[in-house]
Amino acid sequence: MKKDYLSDMRIALVYMIDRTTPDDNKSKLVVEALFSNQVQAEDNYKIQNPEKKRYLLSVDDLESFERFYNDIQDLNEQYGDHAIYHLDEITLNVDLENKFRTILGIWTSTEI
């Protein structure tokens, strides 16, 4: 009987590849590590390269986070310093938006 060892992994440690690198001009999310819970991720993972911004996310939120991250970058390109006033142009439910804004630290500025 084959056991699926990844089915219990609920938390992902991720970082973003800058949008200038891929051909489609979109930032890409890279999963660096998977953990079964938030405490395990915070206590046991040693960040090896502190230059990269890393984020702890639920595995279920990975696609939505990548889309939100790219939408924020699009707003920054389009509106510059006034992008924070155009967050309503991103179509995302309020709870998820607030969750991602907290993770990225986006409250008074959309600088990532």
PDB file of N, CA and C in Angstrom:
ATOM      1  N   MET A   1       0.848  -1.178   0.000  1.00  0.00           N
ATOM      2  CA  MET A   1       0.000   0.000   0.000  1.00  0.00           C
ATOM      3  C   MET A   1       0.894   1.242   0.000  1.00  0.00           C
ATOM      4  N   LYS A   2       0.627   2.135  -0.901  1.00  0.00           N
ATOM      5  CA  LYS A   2       1.426   3.340  -1.049  1.00  0.00           C
ATOM      6  C   LYS A   2       0.837   4.467  -0.203  1.00  0.00           C
ATOM      7  N   LYS A   3       1.690   5.122   0.592  1.00  0.00           N
ATOM      8  CA  LYS A   3       1.239   6.228   1.439  1.00  0.00           C
ATOM      9  C   LYS A   3       1.625   7.549   0.791  1.00  0.00           C
ATOM     10  N   ASP A   4       0.705   8.477   0.810  1.00  0.00           N
ATOM     11  CA  ASP A   4       0.959   9.806   0.255  1.00  0.00           C
ATOM     12  C   ASP A   4       1.517  10.689   1.372  1.00  0.00           C
ATOM     13  N   TYR A   5       2.820  10.868   1.391  1.00  0.00           N
ATOM     14  CA  TYR A   5       3.486  11.605   2.470  1.00  0.00           C
ATOM     15  C   TYR A   5       3.249  13.106   2.399  1.00  0.00           C
ATOM     16  N   LEU A   6       2.891  13.612   1.252  1.00  0.00           N
ATOM     17  CA  LEU A   6       2.695  15.053   1.120  1.00  0.00           C
ATOM     18  C   LEU A   6       1.283  15.504   1.483  1.00  0.00           C
ATOM     19  N   SER A   7       0.373  14.572   1.690  1.00  0.00           N
ATOM     20  CA  SER A   7      -1.013  14.948   1.974  1.00  0.00           C
ATOM     21  C   SER A   7      -1.162  15.683   3.305  1.00  0.00           C
ATOM     22  N   ASP A   8      -0.238  15.484   4.239  1.00  0.00           N
ATOM     23  CA  ASP A   8      -0.317  16.148   5.543  1.00  0.00           C
ATOM     24  C   ASP A   8       0.377  17.506   5.558  1.00  0.00           C
ATOM     25  N   MET A   9       0.999  17.890   4.478  1.00  0.00           N
ATOM     26  CA  MET A   9       1.714  19.165   4.421  1.00  0.00           C
ATOM     27  C   MET A   9       0.725  20.285   4.114  1.00  0.00           C
ATOM     28  N   ARG A  10       0.561  21.181   5.060  1.00  0.00           N
ATOM     29  CA  ARG A  10      -0.447  22.244   4.941  1.00  0.00           C
ATOM     30  C   ARG A  10       0.149  23.641   4.784  1.00  0.00           C
ATOM     31  N   ILE A  11       1.409  23.813   5.178  1.00  0.00           N
ATOM     32  CA  ILE A  11       2.044  25.127   5.161  1.00  0.00           C
ATOM     33  C   ILE A  11       3.233  25.096   4.207  1.00  0.00           C
ATOM     34  N   ALA A  12       3.336  26.120   3.371  1.00  0.00           N
ATOM     35  CA  ALA A  12       4.447  26.216   2.419  1.00  0.00           C
ATOM     36  C   ALA A  12       5.274  27.460   2.714  1.00  0.00           C
ATOM     37  N   LEU A  13       6.574  27.303   2.678  1.00  0.00           N
ATOM     38  CA  LEU A  13       7.494  28.436   2.741  1.00  0.00           C
ATOM     39  C   LEU A  13       7.827  28.766   1.292  1.00  0.00           C
ATOM     40  N   VAL A  14       7.511  29.988   0.871  1.00  0.00           N
ATOM     41  CA  VAL A  14       7.670  30.356  -0.539  1.00  0.00           C
ATOM     42  C   VAL A  14       8.451  31.655  -0.678  1.00  0.00           C
ATOM     43  N   TYR A  15       8.981  31.857  -1.866  1.00  0.00           N
ATOM     44  CA  TYR A  15       9.536  33.148  -2.254  1.00  0.00           C
ATOM     45  C   TYR A  15       9.120  33.402  -3.688  1.00  0.00           C
ATOM     46  N   MET A  16       9.277  34.638  -4.133  1.00  0.00           N
ATOM     47  CA  MET A  16       8.845  35.017  -5.468  1.00  0.00           C
ATOM     48  C   MET A  16      10.045  35.249  -6.373  1.00  0.00           C
ATOM     49  N   ILE A  17       9.932  34.764  -7.609  1.00  0.00           N
ATOM     50  CA  ILE A  17      10.917  35.078  -8.641  1.00  0.00           C
ATOM     51  C   ILE A  17      10.428  36.347  -9.315  1.00  0.00           C
ATOM     52  N   ASP A  18      11.295  37.325  -9.429  1.00  0.00           N
ATOM     53  CA  ASP A  18      10.939  38.623  -9.982  1.00  0.00           C
ATOM     54  C   ASP A  18      10.354  38.492 -11.387  1.00  0.00           C
ATOM     55  N   ARG A  19       9.448  39.362 -11.720  1.00  0.00           N
ATOM     56  CA  ARG A  19       8.743  39.289 -12.990  1.00  0.00           C
ATOM     57  C   ARG A  19       9.605  39.592 -14.197  1.00  0.00           C
ATOM     58  N   THR A  20      10.789  40.127 -14.013  1.00  0.00           N
ATOM     59  CA  THR A  20      11.656  40.403 -15.159  1.00  0.00           C
ATOM     60  C   THR A  20      12.307  39.130 -15.699  1.00  0.00           C
ATOM     61  N   THR A  21      12.337  38.069 -14.920  1.00  0.00           N
ATOM     62  CA  THR A  21      12.998  36.826 -15.328  1.00  0.00           C
ATOM     63  C   THR A  21      12.146  35.960 -16.264  1.00  0.00           C
ATOM     64  N   PRO A  22      10.908  35.611 -15.921  1.00  0.00           N
ATOM     65  CA  PRO A  22      10.104  34.743 -16.810  1.00  0.00           C
ATOM     66  C   PRO A  22       9.706  35.451 -18.111  1.00  0.00           C
ATOM     67  N   ASP A  23       9.430  34.649 -19.134  1.00  0.00           N
ATOM     68  CA  ASP A  23       9.054  35.181 -20.438  1.00  0.00           C
ATOM     69  C   ASP A  23       7.701  35.892 -20.438  1.00  0.00           C
ATOM     70  N   ASP A  24       6.790  35.477 -19.568  1.00  0.00           N
ATOM     71  CA  ASP A  24       5.447  36.061 -19.581  1.00  0.00           C
ATOM     72  C   ASP A  24       5.328  37.321 -18.721  1.00  0.00           C
ATOM     73  N   ASN A  25       6.440  37.825 -18.186  1.00  0.00           N
ATOM     74  CA  ASN A  25       6.478  39.062 -17.406  1.00  0.00           C
ATOM     75  C   ASN A  25       5.580  38.996 -16.162  1.00  0.00           C
ATOM     76  N   LYS A  26       5.502  37.833 -15.542  1.00  0.00           N
ATOM     77  CA  LYS A  26       4.752  37.648 -14.302  1.00  0.00           C
ATOM     78  C   LYS A  26       5.671  37.060 -13.246  1.00  0.00           C
ATOM     79  N   SER A  27       5.509  37.497 -12.021  1.00  0.00           N
ATOM     80  CA  SER A  27       6.272  36.916 -10.915  1.00  0.00           C
ATOM     81  C   SER A  27       5.791  35.494 -10.673  1.00  0.00           C
ATOM     82  N   LYS A  28       6.716  34.636 -10.325  1.00  0.00           N
ATOM     83  CA  LYS A  28       6.388  33.232 -10.078  1.00  0.00           C
ATOM     84  C   LYS A  28       6.675  32.872  -8.630  1.00  0.00           C
ATOM     85  N   LEU A  29       5.783  32.112  -8.062  1.00  0.00           N
ATOM     86  CA  LEU A  29       5.932  31.636  -6.703  1.00  0.00           C
ATOM     87  C   LEU A  29       6.739  30.342  -6.713  1.00  0.00           C
ATOM     88  N   VAL A  30       7.714  30.236  -5.824  1.00  0.00           N
ATOM     89  CA  VAL A  30       8.540  29.043  -5.715  1.00  0.00           C
ATOM     90  C   VAL A  30       8.378  28.488  -4.302  1.00  0.00           C
ATOM     91  N   VAL A  31       7.989  27.221  -4.208  1.00  0.00           N
ATOM     92  CA  VAL A  31       7.857  26.564  -2.913  1.00  0.00           C
ATOM     93  C   VAL A  31       9.229  26.060  -2.501  1.00  0.00           C
ATOM     94  N   GLU A  32       9.702  26.552  -1.366  1.00  0.00           N
ATOM     95  CA  GLU A  32      11.023  26.162  -0.879  1.00  0.00           C
ATOM     96  C   GLU A  32      10.945  24.989   0.095  1.00  0.00           C
ATOM     97  N   ALA A  33       9.883  24.953   0.893  1.00  0.00           N
ATOM     98  CA  ALA A  33       9.733  23.870   1.869  1.00  0.00           C
ATOM     99  C   ALA A  33       8.257  23.703   2.218  1.00  0.00           C
ATOM    100  N   LEU A  34       7.900  22.513   2.630  1.00  0.00           N
ATOM    101  CA  LEU A  34       6.539  22.212   3.069  1.00  0.00           C
ATOM    102  C   LEU A  34       6.573  21.723   4.513  1.00  0.00           C
ATOM    103  N   PHE A  35       5.551  22.100   5.279  1.00  0.00           N
ATOM    104  CA  PHE A  35       5.466  21.720   6.687  1.00  0.00           C
ATOM    105  C   PHE A  35       4.040  21.285   6.999  1.00  0.00           C
ATOM    106  N   SER A  36       3.910  20.521   8.064  1.00  0.00           N
ATOM    107  CA  SER A  36       2.577  20.053   8.441  1.00  0.00           C
ATOM    108  C   SER A  36       1.788  21.093   9.220  1.00  0.00           C
ATOM    109  N   ASN A  37       2.469  22.029   9.882  1.00  0.00           N
ATOM    110  CA  ASN A  37       1.750  23.074  10.609  1.00  0.00           C
ATOM    111  C   ASN A  37       2.616  24.327  10.744  1.00  0.00           C
ATOM    112  N   GLN A  38       1.993  25.405  11.138  1.00  0.00           N
ATOM    113  CA  GLN A  38       2.648  26.710  11.243  1.00  0.00           C
ATOM    114  C   GLN A  38       3.772  26.706  12.286  1.00  0.00           C
ATOM    115  N   VAL A  39       3.540  26.076  13.411  1.00  0.00           N
ATOM    116  CA  VAL A  39       4.534  26.045  14.487  1.00  0.00           C
ATOM    117  C   VAL A  39       5.798  25.332  14.026  1.00  0.00           C
ATOM    118  N   GLN A  40       5.635  24.208  13.359  1.00  0.00           N
ATOM    119  CA  GLN A  40       6.784  23.475  12.848  1.00  0.00           C
ATOM    120  C   GLN A  40       7.566  24.348  11.866  1.00  0.00           C
ATOM    121  N   ALA A  41       6.889  25.064  11.022  1.00  0.00           N
ATOM    122  CA  ALA A  41       7.552  25.914  10.036  1.00  0.00           C
ATOM    123  C   ALA A  41       8.347  27.027  10.722  1.00  0.00           C
ATOM    124  N   GLU A  42       7.749  27.678  11.705  1.00  0.00           N
ATOM    125  CA  GLU A  42       8.409  28.788  12.386  1.00  0.00           C
ATOM    126  C   GLU A  42       9.568  28.329  13.262  1.00  0.00           C
ATOM    127  N   ASP A  43       9.406  27.180  13.918  1.00  0.00           N
ATOM    128  CA  ASP A  43      10.423  26.710  14.864  1.00  0.00           C
ATOM    129  C   ASP A  43      11.595  25.967  14.224  1.00  0.00           C
ATOM    130  N   ASN A  44      11.344  25.243  13.158  1.00  0.00           N
ATOM    131  CA  ASN A  44      12.347  24.320  12.651  1.00  0.00           C
ATOM    132  C   ASN A  44      13.022  24.719  11.352  1.00  0.00           C
ATOM    133  N   TYR A  45      12.577  25.761  10.712  1.00  0.00           N
ATOM    134  CA  TYR A  45      13.179  26.108   9.443  1.00  0.00           C
ATOM    135  C   TYR A  45      14.157  27.260   9.615  1.00  0.00           C
ATOM    136  N   LYS A  46      15.358  27.028   9.232  1.00  0.00           N
ATOM    137  CA  LYS A  46      16.396  28.046   9.325  1.00  0.00           C
ATOM    138  C   LYS A  46      16.528  28.705   7.948  1.00  0.00           C
ATOM    139  N   ILE A  47      16.287  29.999   7.903  1.00  0.00           N
ATOM    140  CA  ILE A  47      16.372  30.706   6.628  1.00  0.00           C
ATOM    141  C   ILE A  47      17.834  30.829   6.235  1.00  0.00           C
ATOM    142  N   GLN A  48      18.165  30.229   5.086  1.00  0.00           N
ATOM    143  CA  GLN A  48      19.554  30.173   4.651  1.00  0.00           C
ATOM    144  C   GLN A  48      20.000  31.417   3.894  1.00  0.00           C
ATOM    145  N   ASN A  49      19.110  32.070   3.222  1.00  0.00           N
ATOM    146  CA  ASN A  49      19.458  33.246   2.448  1.00  0.00           C
ATOM    147  C   ASN A  49      18.515  34.389   2.836  1.00  0.00           C
ATOM    148  N   PRO A  50      18.884  35.187   3.823  1.00  0.00           N
ATOM    149  CA  PRO A  50      17.961  36.219   4.308  1.00  0.00           C
ATOM    150  C   PRO A  50      17.727  37.359   3.316  1.00  0.00           C
ATOM    151  N   GLU A  51      18.411  37.371   2.177  1.00  0.00           N
ATOM    152  CA  GLU A  51      18.206  38.419   1.183  1.00  0.00           C
ATOM    153  C   GLU A  51      16.860  38.276   0.487  1.00  0.00           C
ATOM    154  N   LYS A  52      16.374  37.060   0.357  1.00  0.00           N
ATOM    155  CA  LYS A  52      15.084  36.818  -0.284  1.00  0.00           C
ATOM    156  C   LYS A  52      13.969  36.968   0.746  1.00  0.00           C
ATOM    157  N   LYS A  53      12.904  37.635   0.347  1.00  0.00           N
ATOM    158  CA  LYS A  53      11.730  37.699   1.202  1.00  0.00           C
ATOM    159  C   LYS A  53      10.993  36.379   1.075  1.00  0.00           C
ATOM    160  N   ARG A  54      10.698  35.772   2.203  1.00  0.00           N
ATOM    161  CA  ARG A  54       9.983  34.507   2.219  1.00  0.00           C
ATOM    162  C   ARG A  54       8.659  34.695   2.950  1.00  0.00           C
ATOM    163  N   TYR A  55       7.699  33.891   2.561  1.00  0.00           N
ATOM    164  CA  TYR A  55       6.362  33.989   3.129  1.00  0.00           C
ATOM    165  C   TYR A  55       5.870  32.595   3.505  1.00  0.00           C
ATOM    166  N   LEU A  56       5.182  32.487   4.635  1.00  0.00           N
ATOM    167  CA  LEU A  56       4.528  31.247   5.037  1.00  0.00           C
ATOM    168  C   LEU A  56       3.064  31.337   4.634  1.00  0.00           C
ATOM    169  N   LEU A  57       2.640  30.374   3.818  1.00  0.00           N
ATOM    170  CA  LEU A  57       1.273  30.389   3.301  1.00  0.00           C
ATOM    171  C   LEU A  57       0.636  29.026   3.441  1.00  0.00           C
ATOM    172  N   SER A  58      -0.667  29.031   3.516  1.00  0.00           N
ATOM    173  CA  SER A  58      -1.401  27.780   3.435  1.00  0.00           C
ATOM    174  C   SER A  58      -1.258  27.251   2.010  1.00  0.00           C
ATOM    175  N   VAL A  59      -1.133  25.950   1.872  1.00  0.00           N
ATOM    176  CA  VAL A  59      -0.992  25.348   0.551  1.00  0.00           C
ATOM    177  C   VAL A  59      -2.205  25.681  -0.326  1.00  0.00           C
ATOM    178  N   ASP A  60      -3.363  25.817   0.287  1.00  0.00           N
ATOM    179  CA  ASP A  60      -4.585  26.136  -0.459  1.00  0.00           C
ATOM    180  C   ASP A  60      -4.571  27.557  -1.044  1.00  0.00           C
ATOM    181  N   ASP A  61      -3.751  28.437  -0.497  1.00  0.00           N
ATOM    182  CA  ASP A  61      -3.732  29.840  -0.925  1.00  0.00           C
ATOM    183  C   ASP A  61      -2.629  30.174  -1.926  1.00  0.00           C
ATOM    184  N   LEU A  62      -1.851  29.211  -2.352  1.00  0.00           N
ATOM    185  CA  LEU A  62      -0.678  29.504  -3.186  1.00  0.00           C
ATOM    186  C   LEU A  62      -1.036  30.195  -4.499  1.00  0.00           C
ATOM    187  N   GLU A  63      -2.007  29.672  -5.227  1.00  0.00           N
ATOM    188  CA  GLU A  63      -2.373  30.278  -6.513  1.00  0.00           C
ATOM    189  C   GLU A  63      -2.946  31.679  -6.330  1.00  0.00           C
ATOM    190  N   SER A  64      -3.802  31.850  -5.336  1.00  0.00           N
ATOM    191  CA  SER A  64      -4.404  33.160  -5.084  1.00  0.00           C
ATOM    192  C   SER A  64      -3.345  34.176  -4.679  1.00  0.00           C
ATOM    193  N   PHE A  65      -2.370  33.748  -3.883  1.00  0.00           N
ATOM    194  CA  PHE A  65      -1.304  34.655  -3.459  1.00  0.00           C
ATOM    195  C   PHE A  65      -0.465  35.098  -4.651  1.00  0.00           C
ATOM    196  N   GLU A  66      -0.125  34.168  -5.529  1.00  0.00           N
ATOM    197  CA  GLU A  66       0.665  34.516  -6.712  1.00  0.00           C
ATOM    198  C   GLU A  66      -0.090  35.513  -7.589  1.00  0.00           C
ATOM    199  N   ARG A  67      -1.382  35.304  -7.772  1.00  0.00           N
ATOM    200  CA  ARG A  67      -2.205  36.221  -8.563  1.00  0.00           C
ATOM    201  C   ARG A  67      -2.267  37.600  -7.894  1.00  0.00           C
ATOM    202  N   PHE A  68      -2.474  37.630  -6.578  1.00  0.00           N
ATOM    203  CA  PHE A  68      -2.539  38.890  -5.843  1.00  0.00           C
ATOM    204  C   PHE A  68      -1.214  39.647  -5.937  1.00  0.00           C
ATOM    205  N   TYR A  69      -0.116  38.939  -5.778  1.00  0.00           N
ATOM    206  CA  TYR A  69       1.219  39.539  -5.855  1.00  0.00           C
ATOM    207  C   TYR A  69       1.429  40.197  -7.220  1.00  0.00           C
ATOM    208  N   ASN A  70       1.061  39.508  -8.292  1.00  0.00           N
ATOM    209  CA  ASN A  70       1.186  40.064  -9.634  1.00  0.00           C
ATOM    210  C   ASN A  70       0.246  41.242  -9.856  1.00  0.00           C
ATOM    211  N   ASP A  71      -0.964  41.163  -9.295  1.00  0.00           N
ATOM    212  CA  ASP A  71      -1.901  42.282  -9.407  1.00  0.00           C
ATOM    213  C   ASP A  71      -1.363  43.526  -8.714  1.00  0.00           C
ATOM    214  N   ILE A  72      -0.736  43.350  -7.556  1.00  0.00           N
ATOM    215  CA  ILE A  72      -0.138  44.488  -6.849  1.00  0.00           C
ATOM    216  C   ILE A  72       0.984  45.096  -7.685  1.00  0.00           C
ATOM    217  N   GLN A  73       1.812  44.257  -8.289  1.00  0.00           N
ATOM    218  CA  GLN A  73       2.878  44.777  -9.134  1.00  0.00           C
ATOM    219  C   GLN A  73       2.321  45.509 -10.349  1.00  0.00           C
ATOM    220  N   ASP A  74       1.232  45.002 -10.919  1.00  0.00           N
ATOM    221  CA  ASP A  74       0.592  45.681 -12.045  1.00  0.00           C
ATOM    222  C   ASP A  74       0.077  47.057 -11.625  1.00  0.00           C
ATOM    223  N   LEU A  75      -0.547  47.125 -10.440  1.00  0.00           N
ATOM    224  CA  LEU A  75      -1.021  48.417  -9.937  1.00  0.00           C
ATOM    225  C   LEU A  75       0.138  49.379  -9.720  1.00  0.00           C
ATOM    226  N   ASN A  76       1.246  48.878  -9.185  1.00  0.00           N
ATOM    227  CA  ASN A  76       2.418  49.733  -8.969  1.00  0.00           C
ATOM    228  C   ASN A  76       2.948  50.294 -10.285  1.00  0.00           C
ATOM    229  N   GLU A  77       2.966  49.470 -11.321  1.00  0.00           N
ATOM    230  CA  GLU A  77       3.441  49.940 -12.621  1.00  0.00           C
ATOM    231  C   GLU A  77       2.492  50.963 -13.221  1.00  0.00           C
ATOM    232  N   GLN A  78       1.205  50.728 -13.042  1.00  0.00           N
ATOM    233  CA  GLN A  78       0.210  51.593 -13.664  1.00  0.00           C
ATOM    234  C   GLN A  78       0.024  52.914 -12.910  1.00  0.00           C
ATOM    235  N   TYR A  79      -0.001  52.874 -11.579  1.00  0.00           N
ATOM    236  CA  TYR A  79      -0.349  54.063 -10.802  1.00  0.00           C
ATOM    237  C   TYR A  79       0.796  54.630  -9.957  1.00  0.00           C
ATOM    238  N   GLY A  80       1.893  53.915  -9.844  1.00  0.00           N
ATOM    239  CA  GLY A  80       3.042  54.406  -9.075  1.00  0.00           C
ATOM    240  C   GLY A  80       2.718  54.565  -7.602  1.00  0.00           C
ATOM    241  N   ASP A  81       3.021  55.742  -7.046  1.00  0.00           N
ATOM    242  CA  ASP A  81       2.813  56.003  -5.616  1.00  0.00           C
ATOM    243  C   ASP A  81       1.340  55.994  -5.207  1.00  0.00           C
ATOM    244  N   HIS A  82       0.435  56.110  -6.144  1.00  0.00           N
ATOM    245  CA  HIS A  82      -0.995  56.163  -5.837  1.00  0.00           C
ATOM    246  C   HIS A  82      -1.683  54.805  -5.985  1.00  0.00           C
ATOM    247  N   ALA A  83      -0.911  53.750  -6.145  1.00  0.00           N
ATOM    248  CA  ALA A  83      -1.475  52.410  -6.359  1.00  0.00           C
ATOM    249  C   ALA A  83      -2.326  51.941  -5.180  1.00  0.00           C
ATOM    250  N   ILE A  84      -1.990  52.365  -3.980  1.00  0.00           N
ATOM    251  CA  ILE A  84      -2.738  51.941  -2.790  1.00  0.00           C
ATOM    252  C   ILE A  84      -4.219  52.335  -2.882  1.00  0.00           C
ATOM    253  N   TYR A  85      -4.507  53.396  -3.605  1.00  0.00           N
ATOM    254  CA  TYR A  85      -5.886  53.870  -3.749  1.00  0.00           C
ATOM    255  C   TYR A  85      -6.669  53.073  -4.792  1.00  0.00           C
ATOM    256  N   HIS A  86      -6.020  52.165  -5.474  1.00  0.00           N
ATOM    257  CA  HIS A  86      -6.667  51.398  -6.531  1.00  0.00           C
ATOM    258  C   HIS A  86      -6.755  49.911  -6.206  1.00  0.00           C
ATOM    259  N   LEU A  87      -6.621  49.557  -4.941  1.00  0.00           N
ATOM    260  CA  LEU A  87      -6.718  48.143  -4.543  1.00  0.00           C
ATOM    261  C   LEU A  87      -8.088  47.548  -4.834  1.00  0.00           C
ATOM    262  N   ASP A  88      -9.102  48.403  -4.934  1.00  0.00           N
ATOM    263  CA  ASP A  88     -10.442  47.895  -5.238  1.00  0.00           C
ATOM    264  C   ASP A  88     -10.539  47.327  -6.654  1.00  0.00           C
ATOM    265  N   GLU A  89      -9.547  47.562  -7.489  1.00  0.00           N
ATOM    266  CA  GLU A  89      -9.537  47.007  -8.842  1.00  0.00           C
ATOM    267  C   GLU A  89      -9.148  45.532  -8.851  1.00  0.00           C
ATOM    268  N   ILE A  90      -8.595  45.058  -7.750  1.00  0.00           N
ATOM    269  CA  ILE A  90      -8.236  43.639  -7.640  1.00  0.00           C
ATOM    270  C   ILE A  90      -9.463  42.883  -7.157  1.00  0.00           C
ATOM    271  N   THR A  91      -9.873  41.879  -7.920  1.00  0.00           N
ATOM    272  CA  THR A  91     -11.050  41.105  -7.541  1.00  0.00           C
ATOM    273  C   THR A  91     -10.621  39.907  -6.696  1.00  0.00           C
ATOM    274  N   LEU A  92     -10.843  40.041  -5.396  1.00  0.00           N
ATOM    275  CA  LEU A  92     -10.478  39.013  -4.437  1.00  0.00           C
ATOM    276  C   LEU A  92     -11.394  39.190  -3.236  1.00  0.00           C
ATOM    277  N   ASN A  93     -11.784  38.094  -2.594  1.00  0.00           N
ATOM    278  CA  ASN A  93     -12.673  38.278  -1.448  1.00  0.00           C
ATOM    279  C   ASN A  93     -11.928  39.022  -0.330  1.00  0.00           C
ATOM    280  N   VAL A  94     -12.663  39.714   0.480  1.00  0.00           N
ATOM    281  CA  VAL A  94     -12.113  40.623   1.478  1.00  0.00           C
ATOM    282  C   VAL A  94     -11.204  39.909   2.478  1.00  0.00           C
ATOM    283  N   ASP A  95     -11.603  38.737   2.929  1.00  0.00           N
ATOM    284  CA  ASP A  95     -10.798  38.005   3.903  1.00  0.00           C
ATOM    285  C   ASP A  95      -9.431  37.633   3.340  1.00  0.00           C
ATOM    286  N   LEU A  96      -9.420  37.144   2.105  1.00  0.00           N
ATOM    287  CA  LEU A  96      -8.165  36.766   1.469  1.00  0.00           C
ATOM    288  C   LEU A  96      -7.302  37.988   1.195  1.00  0.00           C
ATOM    289  N   GLU A  97      -7.933  39.079   0.766  1.00  0.00           N
ATOM    290  CA  GLU A  97      -7.181  40.317   0.531  1.00  0.00           C
ATOM    291  C   GLU A  97      -6.509  40.791   1.811  1.00  0.00           C
ATOM    292  N   ASN A  98      -7.240  40.816   2.907  1.00  0.00           N
ATOM    293  CA  ASN A  98      -6.669  41.254   4.187  1.00  0.00           C
ATOM    294  C   ASN A  98      -5.563  40.315   4.651  1.00  0.00           C
ATOM    295  N   LYS A  99      -5.741  39.040   4.438  1.00  0.00           N
ATOM    296  CA  LYS A  99      -4.719  38.056   4.803  1.00  0.00           C
ATOM    297  C   LYS A  99      -3.428  38.307   4.024  1.00  0.00           C
ATOM    298  N   PHE A 100      -3.543  38.501   2.713  1.00  0.00           N
ATOM    299  CA  PHE A 100      -2.371  38.725   1.874  1.00  0.00           C
ATOM    300  C   PHE A 100      -1.739  40.089   2.132  1.00  0.00           C
ATOM    301  N   ARG A 101      -2.567  41.093   2.413  1.00  0.00           N
ATOM    302  CA  ARG A 101      -2.017  42.415   2.740  1.00  0.00           C
ATOM    303  C   ARG A 101      -1.213  42.347   4.036  1.00  0.00           C
ATOM    304  N   THR A 102      -1.665  41.550   4.983  1.00  0.00           N
ATOM    305  CA  THR A 102      -0.927  41.366   6.233  1.00  0.00           C
ATOM    306  C   THR A 102       0.396  40.660   5.979  1.00  0.00           C
ATOM    307  N   ILE A 103       0.376  39.605   5.182  1.00  0.00           N
ATOM    308  CA  ILE A 103       1.599  38.855   4.879  1.00  0.00           C
ATOM    309  C   ILE A 103       2.620  39.742   4.181  1.00  0.00           C
ATOM    310  N   LEU A 104       2.165  40.567   3.241  1.00  0.00           N
ATOM    311  CA  LEU A 104       3.062  41.425   2.465  1.00  0.00           C
ATOM    312  C   LEU A 104       3.357  42.775   3.145  1.00  0.00           C
ATOM    313  N   GLY A 105       2.603  43.101   4.186  1.00  0.00           N
ATOM    314  CA  GLY A 105       2.807  44.373   4.873  1.00  0.00           C
ATOM    315  C   GLY A 105       2.313  45.545   4.044  1.00  0.00           C
ATOM    316  N   ILE A 106       1.229  45.360   3.318  1.00  0.00           N
ATOM    317  CA  ILE A 106       0.674  46.401   2.465  1.00  0.00           C
ATOM    318  C   ILE A 106      -0.502  47.070   3.186  1.00  0.00           C
ATOM    319  N   TRP A 107      -0.260  48.255   3.735  1.00  0.00           N
ATOM    320  CA  TRP A 107      -1.329  48.989   4.390  1.00  0.00           C
ATOM    321  C   TRP A 107      -1.381  50.432   3.922  1.00  0.00           C
ATOM    322  N   THR A 108      -0.263  51.114   3.927  1.00  0.00           N
ATOM    323  CA  THR A 108      -0.261  52.512   3.491  1.00  0.00           C
ATOM    324  C   THR A 108       0.494  52.698   2.182  1.00  0.00           C
ATOM    325  N   SER A 109       1.110  51.648   1.703  1.00  0.00           N
ATOM    326  CA  SER A 109       1.881  51.682   0.466  1.00  0.00           C
ATOM    327  C   SER A 109       1.818  50.290  -0.153  1.00  0.00           C
ATOM    328  N   THR A 110       1.927  50.218  -1.463  1.00  0.00           N
ATOM    329  CA  THR A 110       1.894  48.917  -2.127  1.00  0.00           C
ATOM    330  C   THR A 110       3.284  48.442  -2.505  1.00  0.00           C
ATOM    331  N   GLU A 111       4.294  49.014  -1.889  1.00  0.00           N
ATOM    332  CA  GLU A 111       5.663  48.592  -2.182  1.00  0.00           C
ATOM    333  C   GLU A 111       5.901  47.192  -1.623  1.00  0.00           C
ATOM    334  N   ILE A 112       6.349  46.307  -2.492  1.00  0.00           N
ATOM    335  CA  ILE A 112       6.608  44.918  -2.088  1.00  0.00           C
ATOM    336  C   ILE A 112       8.103  44.728  -1.932  1.00  0.00           C
TER     337      ILE A 112
END
